[in-house]
Amino acid sequence: MPKRTKAPSQRQLKAGEVIRKALVKILAHEQLRDTDLQGVSITISEVSASPDMHNATVFAAPLGGKDTDKVIKALNRASKFLRGRLGRELTMRTTPNLCFEADTTFETAAAMNELMARPEIARDLKKFDLEESEDALASEDKSTR
C-alpha cells in the first residue's frame, strides 16, 4: 500500500519560512571558507521542515544556474557551520539539521515556457482559447434570457 504524505502543517510552513529568511541573511553577510561558495550568489527558494523540526530540507540554486551540483555539495559540506550560525539567529527550541537539495523549479519553468512557445502547441492553445470564449458567450446568452 502506498505511503501517504500529509500536507505540511502551518507550524512547519512558518518554521520553514523563518529558517529560509535567516539562511538568506547568513549567506548574504557571512564569508564562507569553501572555495566553491566564495563569490557565488545563492538563491534559497524554499525550506521544508520535518514535523518534529529536527530536520530541514533547503532547496537552493546558484544565481545563474551554473555549477549547481558543485554548489549544493559545498553547501552540504558547510551545513554544520550554517546550522551553528542559524542557531544564533533563531528562537526555536532546536536548530534543525540542514540538507541542501538543488532547486529545479526554474529549469522546469523554462522548459515549460519553451514547450508552450512551440508552434504546434501555440496553435492548439489558440483553438482551445477560442472554444472556451465561444462556450462562455453561449452560456452568457442563456443566462440573460
N, C-alpha and C. Protein backbone atom coordinates (compact mmCIF):
# COMPACT_ATOMS: atom_id res chain seq x y z
N MET A 1 0.84 -1.17 0.00
CA MET A 1 0.00 0.00 0.00
C MET A 1 0.89 1.24 0.00
N PRO A 2 0.63 2.21 -0.91
CA PRO A 2 1.49 3.39 -0.98
C PRO A 2 1.37 4.25 0.27
N LYS A 3 2.50 4.81 0.65
CA LYS A 3 2.54 5.65 1.84
C LYS A 3 2.00 7.04 1.49
N ARG A 4 1.08 7.53 2.29
CA ARG A 4 0.52 8.85 2.04
C ARG A 4 1.35 9.90 2.75
N THR A 5 1.59 10.98 2.05
CA THR A 5 2.31 12.08 2.67
C THR A 5 1.31 13.16 3.01
N LYS A 6 1.39 13.63 4.22
CA LYS A 6 0.48 14.67 4.66
C LYS A 6 1.01 16.03 4.22
N ALA A 7 0.09 16.93 4.04
CA ALA A 7 0.49 18.30 3.73
C ALA A 7 1.18 18.89 4.96
N PRO A 8 2.13 19.78 4.75
CA PRO A 8 2.81 20.38 5.90
C PRO A 8 1.84 21.21 6.74
N SER A 9 2.05 21.18 8.05
CA SER A 9 1.21 21.95 8.96
C SER A 9 1.59 23.43 8.89
N GLN A 10 0.74 24.28 9.44
CA GLN A 10 1.05 25.70 9.49
C GLN A 10 2.35 25.95 10.24
N ARG A 11 2.58 25.18 11.29
CA ARG A 11 3.80 25.29 12.09
C ARG A 11 5.03 25.00 11.24
N GLN A 12 4.96 23.93 10.43
CA GLN A 12 6.07 23.57 9.56
C GLN A 12 6.32 24.64 8.51
N LEU A 13 5.24 25.17 7.92
CA LEU A 13 5.38 26.20 6.90
C LEU A 13 6.00 27.46 7.48
N LYS A 14 5.55 27.85 8.67
CA LYS A 14 6.08 29.05 9.31
C LYS A 14 7.56 28.86 9.67
N ALA A 15 7.89 27.71 10.24
CA ALA A 15 9.28 27.42 10.60
C ALA A 15 10.16 27.42 9.36
N GLY A 16 9.67 26.83 8.27
CA GLY A 16 10.43 26.80 7.02
C GLY A 16 10.72 28.20 6.50
N GLU A 17 9.74 29.07 6.60
CA GLU A 17 9.93 30.45 6.12
C GLU A 17 10.89 31.22 7.02
N VAL A 18 10.81 31.01 8.33
CA VAL A 18 11.73 31.67 9.26
C VAL A 18 13.16 31.19 8.99
N ILE A 19 13.33 29.90 8.79
CA ILE A 19 14.65 29.34 8.50
C ILE A 19 15.17 29.88 7.18
N ARG A 20 14.31 29.94 6.18
CA ARG A 20 14.72 30.45 4.86
C ARG A 20 15.24 31.88 4.96
N LYS A 21 14.48 32.73 5.63
CA LYS A 21 14.89 34.13 5.76
C LYS A 21 16.21 34.26 6.52
N ALA A 22 16.37 33.47 7.57
CA ALA A 22 17.62 33.52 8.35
C ALA A 22 18.80 33.03 7.51
N LEU A 23 18.61 31.96 6.74
CA LEU A 23 19.70 31.46 5.89
C LEU A 23 20.08 32.47 4.81
N VAL A 24 19.10 33.13 4.24
CA VAL A 24 19.39 34.16 3.24
C VAL A 24 20.25 35.25 3.85
N LYS A 25 19.90 35.66 5.05
CA LYS A 25 20.66 36.70 5.76
C LYS A 25 22.09 36.22 6.05
N ILE A 26 22.20 34.99 6.52
CA ILE A 26 23.52 34.43 6.85
C ILE A 26 24.39 34.33 5.60
N LEU A 27 23.85 33.80 4.51
CA LEU A 27 24.63 33.63 3.29
C LEU A 27 25.01 34.97 2.66
N ALA A 28 24.18 35.99 2.88
CA ALA A 28 24.48 37.31 2.32
C ALA A 28 25.61 38.01 3.08
N HIS A 29 25.71 37.77 4.38
CA HIS A 29 26.65 38.51 5.21
C HIS A 29 27.87 37.72 5.65
N GLU A 30 27.82 36.41 5.57
CA GLU A 30 28.90 35.56 6.08
C GLU A 30 29.92 35.28 4.99
N GLN A 31 31.19 35.33 5.35
CA GLN A 31 32.26 34.94 4.44
C GLN A 31 32.54 33.46 4.64
N LEU A 32 32.18 32.64 3.69
CA LEU A 32 32.38 31.20 3.80
C LEU A 32 33.76 30.83 3.27
N ARG A 33 34.41 29.89 3.92
CA ARG A 33 35.77 29.50 3.57
C ARG A 33 35.84 28.59 2.36
N ASP A 34 34.78 27.85 2.10
CA ASP A 34 34.77 26.90 0.99
C ASP A 34 34.94 27.66 -0.33
N THR A 35 35.94 27.27 -1.10
CA THR A 35 36.22 27.97 -2.36
C THR A 35 35.09 27.84 -3.37
N ASP A 36 34.31 26.76 -3.27
CA ASP A 36 33.19 26.57 -4.19
C ASP A 36 32.03 27.52 -3.87
N LEU A 37 32.04 28.14 -2.70
CA LEU A 37 30.97 29.05 -2.31
C LEU A 37 31.40 30.51 -2.32
N GLN A 38 32.68 30.76 -2.47
CA GLN A 38 33.16 32.14 -2.45
C GLN A 38 32.77 32.86 -3.73
N GLY A 39 32.14 34.02 -3.56
CA GLY A 39 31.73 34.83 -4.70
C GLY A 39 30.52 34.31 -5.44
N VAL A 40 29.81 33.35 -4.87
CA VAL A 40 28.63 32.77 -5.51
C VAL A 40 27.38 33.30 -4.81
N SER A 41 26.46 33.86 -5.59
CA SER A 41 25.17 34.27 -5.04
C SER A 41 24.24 33.08 -5.09
N ILE A 42 23.61 32.79 -3.95
CA ILE A 42 22.77 31.60 -3.84
C ILE A 42 21.33 32.01 -3.58
N THR A 43 20.42 31.41 -4.33
CA THR A 43 19.01 31.64 -4.15
C THR A 43 18.43 30.49 -3.34
N ILE A 44 17.76 30.81 -2.25
CA ILE A 44 17.07 29.79 -1.45
C ILE A 44 15.58 30.02 -1.67
N SER A 45 14.96 29.08 -2.37
CA SER A 45 13.56 29.27 -2.74
C SER A 45 12.59 28.71 -1.71
N GLU A 46 12.99 27.65 -1.02
CA GLU A 46 12.05 27.03 -0.08
C GLU A 46 12.83 26.23 0.95
N VAL A 47 12.26 26.17 2.15
CA VAL A 47 12.79 25.30 3.20
C VAL A 47 11.63 24.47 3.69
N SER A 48 11.80 23.17 3.67
CA SER A 48 10.77 22.24 4.11
C SER A 48 11.21 21.62 5.43
N ALA A 49 10.49 21.96 6.51
CA ALA A 49 10.83 21.45 7.84
C ALA A 49 10.09 20.15 8.10
N SER A 50 10.76 19.23 8.79
CA SER A 50 10.12 17.96 9.16
C SER A 50 9.10 18.23 10.27
N PRO A 51 8.14 17.33 10.48
CA PRO A 51 7.13 17.55 11.51
C PRO A 51 7.70 17.75 12.91
N ASP A 52 8.83 17.10 13.22
CA ASP A 52 9.42 17.27 14.55
C ASP A 52 10.42 18.42 14.62
N MET A 53 10.62 19.12 13.52
CA MET A 53 11.51 20.29 13.40
C MET A 53 12.99 19.96 13.63
N HIS A 54 13.35 18.69 13.56
CA HIS A 54 14.75 18.31 13.75
C HIS A 54 15.54 18.33 12.44
N ASN A 55 14.84 18.31 11.32
CA ASN A 55 15.50 18.30 10.01
C ASN A 55 14.81 19.30 9.10
N ALA A 56 15.58 19.88 8.21
CA ALA A 56 15.03 20.81 7.23
C ALA A 56 15.72 20.59 5.90
N THR A 57 14.93 20.49 4.85
CA THR A 57 15.46 20.37 3.50
C THR A 57 15.43 21.76 2.88
N VAL A 58 16.58 22.21 2.43
CA VAL A 58 16.71 23.55 1.86
C VAL A 58 16.89 23.42 0.35
N PHE A 59 15.98 24.02 -0.40
CA PHE A 59 16.05 23.99 -1.86
C PHE A 59 16.77 25.25 -2.31
N ALA A 60 17.94 25.07 -2.89
CA ALA A 60 18.80 26.20 -3.25
C ALA A 60 19.35 26.02 -4.65
N ALA A 61 19.77 27.15 -5.22
CA ALA A 61 20.40 27.14 -6.53
C ALA A 61 21.30 28.36 -6.64
N PRO A 62 22.43 28.21 -7.32
CA PRO A 62 23.28 29.37 -7.54
C PRO A 62 22.62 30.31 -8.55
N LEU A 63 22.77 31.59 -8.35
CA LEU A 63 22.21 32.56 -9.27
C LEU A 63 22.85 32.37 -10.63
N GLY A 64 22.05 32.22 -11.64
CA GLY A 64 22.56 31.93 -12.98
C GLY A 64 22.50 30.46 -13.31
N GLY A 65 22.38 29.60 -12.31
CA GLY A 65 22.22 28.17 -12.53
C GLY A 65 23.47 27.42 -12.95
N LYS A 66 24.65 28.06 -12.83
CA LYS A 66 25.88 27.37 -13.23
C LYS A 66 26.47 26.61 -12.05
N ASP A 67 27.05 25.46 -12.33
CA ASP A 67 27.72 24.62 -11.32
C ASP A 67 26.80 24.28 -10.14
N THR A 68 25.57 23.98 -10.42
CA THR A 68 24.59 23.71 -9.36
C THR A 68 25.03 22.55 -8.47
N ASP A 69 25.46 21.45 -9.07
CA ASP A 69 25.86 20.28 -8.27
C ASP A 69 27.03 20.60 -7.34
N LYS A 70 28.00 21.33 -7.86
CA LYS A 70 29.18 21.70 -7.07
C LYS A 70 28.77 22.59 -5.89
N VAL A 71 27.88 23.54 -6.13
CA VAL A 71 27.44 24.46 -5.08
C VAL A 71 26.62 23.71 -4.02
N ILE A 72 25.74 22.82 -4.45
CA ILE A 72 24.92 22.06 -3.50
C ILE A 72 25.81 21.17 -2.63
N LYS A 73 26.81 20.53 -3.23
CA LYS A 73 27.75 19.70 -2.44
C LYS A 73 28.50 20.57 -1.43
N ALA A 74 28.90 21.76 -1.86
CA ALA A 74 29.62 22.67 -0.95
C ALA A 74 28.71 23.14 0.19
N LEU A 75 27.45 23.41 -0.11
CA LEU A 75 26.51 23.81 0.94
C LEU A 75 26.29 22.68 1.94
N ASN A 76 26.22 21.46 1.45
CA ASN A 76 26.08 20.32 2.36
C ASN A 76 27.32 20.14 3.22
N ARG A 77 28.50 20.44 2.66
CA ARG A 77 29.73 20.39 3.46
C ARG A 77 29.71 21.47 4.55
N ALA A 78 29.11 22.61 4.23
CA ALA A 78 29.07 23.74 5.17
C ALA A 78 27.81 23.72 6.04
N SER A 79 27.02 22.67 5.96
CA SER A 79 25.74 22.65 6.67
C SER A 79 25.88 22.74 8.19
N LYS A 80 26.91 22.13 8.75
CA LYS A 80 27.09 22.21 10.21
C LYS A 80 27.45 23.63 10.63
N PHE A 81 28.31 24.28 9.87
CA PHE A 81 28.65 25.67 10.15
C PHE A 81 27.41 26.55 10.04
N LEU A 82 26.63 26.36 8.95
CA LEU A 82 25.42 27.15 8.75
C LEU A 82 24.39 26.88 9.84
N ARG A 83 24.32 25.63 10.29
CA ARG A 83 23.41 25.28 11.38
C ARG A 83 23.80 26.03 12.66
N GLY A 84 25.09 26.12 12.93
CA GLY A 84 25.57 26.85 14.10
C GLY A 84 25.19 28.32 14.03
N ARG A 85 25.38 28.94 12.85
CA ARG A 85 25.01 30.35 12.67
C ARG A 85 23.49 30.51 12.77
N LEU A 86 22.78 29.53 12.25
CA LEU A 86 21.32 29.57 12.29
C LEU A 86 20.80 29.51 13.73
N GLY A 87 21.48 28.72 14.56
CA GLY A 87 21.09 28.61 15.97
C GLY A 87 21.17 29.94 16.69
N ARG A 88 22.09 30.80 16.27
CA ARG A 88 22.21 32.13 16.89
C ARG A 88 21.12 33.08 16.41
N GLU A 89 20.59 32.82 15.21
CA GLU A 89 19.58 33.71 14.62
C GLU A 89 18.16 33.36 15.05
N LEU A 90 17.92 32.08 15.30
CA LEU A 90 16.56 31.61 15.56
C LEU A 90 16.24 31.58 17.06
N THR A 91 14.95 31.63 17.35
CA THR A 91 14.49 31.48 18.74
C THR A 91 13.75 30.16 18.90
N MET A 92 14.03 29.21 18.02
CA MET A 92 13.38 27.90 18.10
C MET A 92 14.04 27.07 19.19
N ARG A 93 13.30 26.09 19.68
CA ARG A 93 13.82 25.21 20.73
C ARG A 93 15.05 24.44 20.25
N THR A 94 14.96 23.89 19.07
CA THR A 94 16.10 23.18 18.48
C THR A 94 16.40 23.77 17.11
N THR A 95 17.65 23.68 16.73
CA THR A 95 18.05 24.11 15.39
C THR A 95 18.09 22.87 14.51
N PRO A 96 17.36 22.89 13.40
CA PRO A 96 17.29 21.67 12.58
C PRO A 96 18.58 21.39 11.83
N ASN A 97 18.81 20.11 11.56
CA ASN A 97 19.89 19.69 10.67
C ASN A 97 19.50 20.15 9.27
N LEU A 98 20.46 20.63 8.51
CA LEU A 98 20.18 21.16 7.17
C LEU A 98 20.65 20.19 6.10
N CYS A 99 19.80 19.94 5.16
CA CYS A 99 20.13 19.11 3.99
C CYS A 99 19.79 19.95 2.76
N PHE A 100 20.79 20.26 1.96
CA PHE A 100 20.59 21.10 0.78
C PHE A 100 20.32 20.23 -0.44
N GLU A 101 19.33 20.65 -1.23
CA GLU A 101 19.00 19.98 -2.49
C GLU A 101 18.89 21.03 -3.58
N ALA A 102 19.18 20.61 -4.79
CA ALA A 102 19.11 21.52 -5.93
C ALA A 102 17.66 21.89 -6.21
N ASP A 103 17.42 23.17 -6.40
CA ASP A 103 16.08 23.64 -6.75
C ASP A 103 15.97 23.64 -8.26
N THR A 104 15.08 22.82 -8.78
CA THR A 104 14.94 22.68 -10.23
C THR A 104 13.70 23.39 -10.77
N THR A 105 13.02 24.17 -9.93
CA THR A 105 11.78 24.81 -10.40
C THR A 105 12.04 25.81 -11.52
N PHE A 106 13.19 26.50 -11.48
CA PHE A 106 13.48 27.47 -12.54
C PHE A 106 13.71 26.78 -13.87
N GLU A 107 14.42 25.65 -13.86
CA GLU A 107 14.66 24.91 -15.10
C GLU A 107 13.36 24.32 -15.62
N THR A 108 12.51 23.83 -14.72
CA THR A 108 11.23 23.27 -15.12
C THR A 108 10.35 24.33 -15.75
N ALA A 109 10.31 25.51 -15.15
CA ALA A 109 9.52 26.61 -15.70
C ALA A 109 10.03 27.03 -17.07
N ALA A 110 11.34 27.09 -17.23
CA ALA A 110 11.92 27.47 -18.52
C ALA A 110 11.58 26.42 -19.58
N ALA A 111 11.64 25.15 -19.21
CA ALA A 111 11.30 24.08 -20.15
C ALA A 111 9.83 24.15 -20.54
N MET A 112 8.97 24.46 -19.58
CA MET A 112 7.54 24.58 -19.88
C MET A 112 7.27 25.76 -20.81
N ASN A 113 7.94 26.89 -20.56
CA ASN A 113 7.78 28.06 -21.43
C ASN A 113 8.24 27.76 -22.84
N GLU A 114 9.35 27.04 -22.94
CA GLU A 114 9.87 26.66 -24.25
C GLU A 114 8.89 25.74 -24.97
N LEU A 115 8.31 24.81 -24.22
CA LEU A 115 7.33 23.89 -24.79
C LEU A 115 6.08 24.64 -25.26
N MET A 116 5.60 25.57 -24.44
CA MET A 116 4.38 26.31 -24.79
C MET A 116 4.59 27.23 -25.98
N ALA A 117 5.84 27.62 -26.24
CA ALA A 117 6.14 28.51 -27.36
C ALA A 117 6.24 27.77 -28.69
N ARG A 118 6.28 26.45 -28.66
CA ARG A 118 6.37 25.70 -29.91
C ARG A 118 5.14 25.96 -30.76
N PRO A 119 5.30 26.09 -32.07
CA PRO A 119 4.18 26.48 -32.95
C PRO A 119 2.97 25.55 -32.86
N GLU A 120 3.20 24.25 -32.81
CA GLU A 120 2.06 23.32 -32.78
C GLU A 120 1.29 23.41 -31.45
N ILE A 121 2.00 23.68 -30.36
CA ILE A 121 1.34 23.83 -29.06
C ILE A 121 0.58 25.15 -29.02
N ALA A 122 1.22 26.23 -29.50
CA ALA A 122 0.57 27.54 -29.52
C ALA A 122 -0.69 27.49 -30.37
N ARG A 123 -0.65 26.78 -31.49
CA ARG A 123 -1.82 26.63 -32.35
C ARG A 123 -2.96 25.93 -31.61
N ASP A 124 -2.64 24.85 -30.91
CA ASP A 124 -3.66 24.12 -30.17
C ASP A 124 -4.22 24.95 -29.02
N LEU A 125 -3.36 25.72 -28.36
CA LEU A 125 -3.83 26.57 -27.27
C LEU A 125 -4.75 27.67 -27.79
N LYS A 126 -4.44 28.19 -28.97
CA LYS A 126 -5.28 29.23 -29.57
C LYS A 126 -6.67 28.66 -29.87
N LYS A 127 -6.72 27.43 -30.42
CA LYS A 127 -8.00 26.77 -30.68
C LYS A 127 -8.78 26.59 -29.39
N PHE A 128 -8.09 26.14 -28.34
CA PHE A 128 -8.72 25.91 -27.05
C PHE A 128 -9.28 27.21 -26.49
N ASP A 129 -8.54 28.31 -26.60
CA ASP A 129 -9.00 29.61 -26.11
C ASP A 129 -10.24 30.07 -26.87
N LEU A 130 -10.25 29.86 -28.20
CA LEU A 130 -11.42 30.24 -29.00
C LEU A 130 -12.65 29.44 -28.60
N GLU A 131 -12.48 28.12 -28.39
CA GLU A 131 -13.60 27.28 -27.98
C GLU A 131 -14.14 27.70 -26.61
N GLU A 132 -13.23 28.04 -25.69
CA GLU A 132 -13.65 28.49 -24.36
C GLU A 132 -14.41 29.81 -24.46
N SER A 133 -13.96 30.71 -25.30
CA SER A 133 -14.63 32.00 -25.48
C SER A 133 -16.03 31.81 -26.05
N GLU A 134 -16.13 30.93 -27.02
CA GLU A 134 -17.45 30.66 -27.61
C GLU A 134 -18.38 30.02 -26.58
N ASP A 135 -17.88 29.11 -25.78
CA ASP A 135 -18.70 28.48 -24.74
C ASP A 135 -19.14 29.51 -23.70
N ALA A 136 -18.26 30.42 -23.34
CA ALA A 136 -18.59 31.45 -22.36
C ALA A 136 -19.66 32.38 -22.91
N LEU A 137 -19.54 32.76 -24.18
CA LEU A 137 -20.55 33.61 -24.79
C LEU A 137 -21.90 32.91 -24.86
N ALA A 138 -21.88 31.63 -25.19
CA ALA A 138 -23.12 30.86 -25.28
C ALA A 138 -23.79 30.76 -23.91
N SER A 139 -23.02 30.54 -22.86
CA SER A 139 -23.61 30.44 -21.54
C SER A 139 -24.12 31.80 -21.05
N GLU A 140 -23.47 32.90 -21.46
CA GLU A 140 -23.96 34.23 -21.11
C GLU A 140 -25.29 34.50 -21.78
N ASP A 141 -25.40 34.10 -23.06
CA ASP A 141 -26.65 34.30 -23.79
C ASP A 141 -27.79 33.56 -23.11
N LYS A 142 -27.55 32.33 -22.66
CA LYS A 142 -28.57 31.54 -22.00
C LYS A 142 -28.97 32.15 -20.67
N SER A 143 -28.00 32.70 -19.94
CA SER A 143 -28.31 33.24 -18.61
C SER A 143 -29.04 34.59 -18.70
N THR A 144 -28.91 35.32 -19.80
CA THR A 144 -29.59 36.60 -19.93
C THR A 144 -31.01 36.44 -20.46
N ARG A 145 -31.36 35.28 -20.90
CA ARG A 145 -32.73 35.06 -21.44
C ARG A 145 -33.71 34.88 -20.34
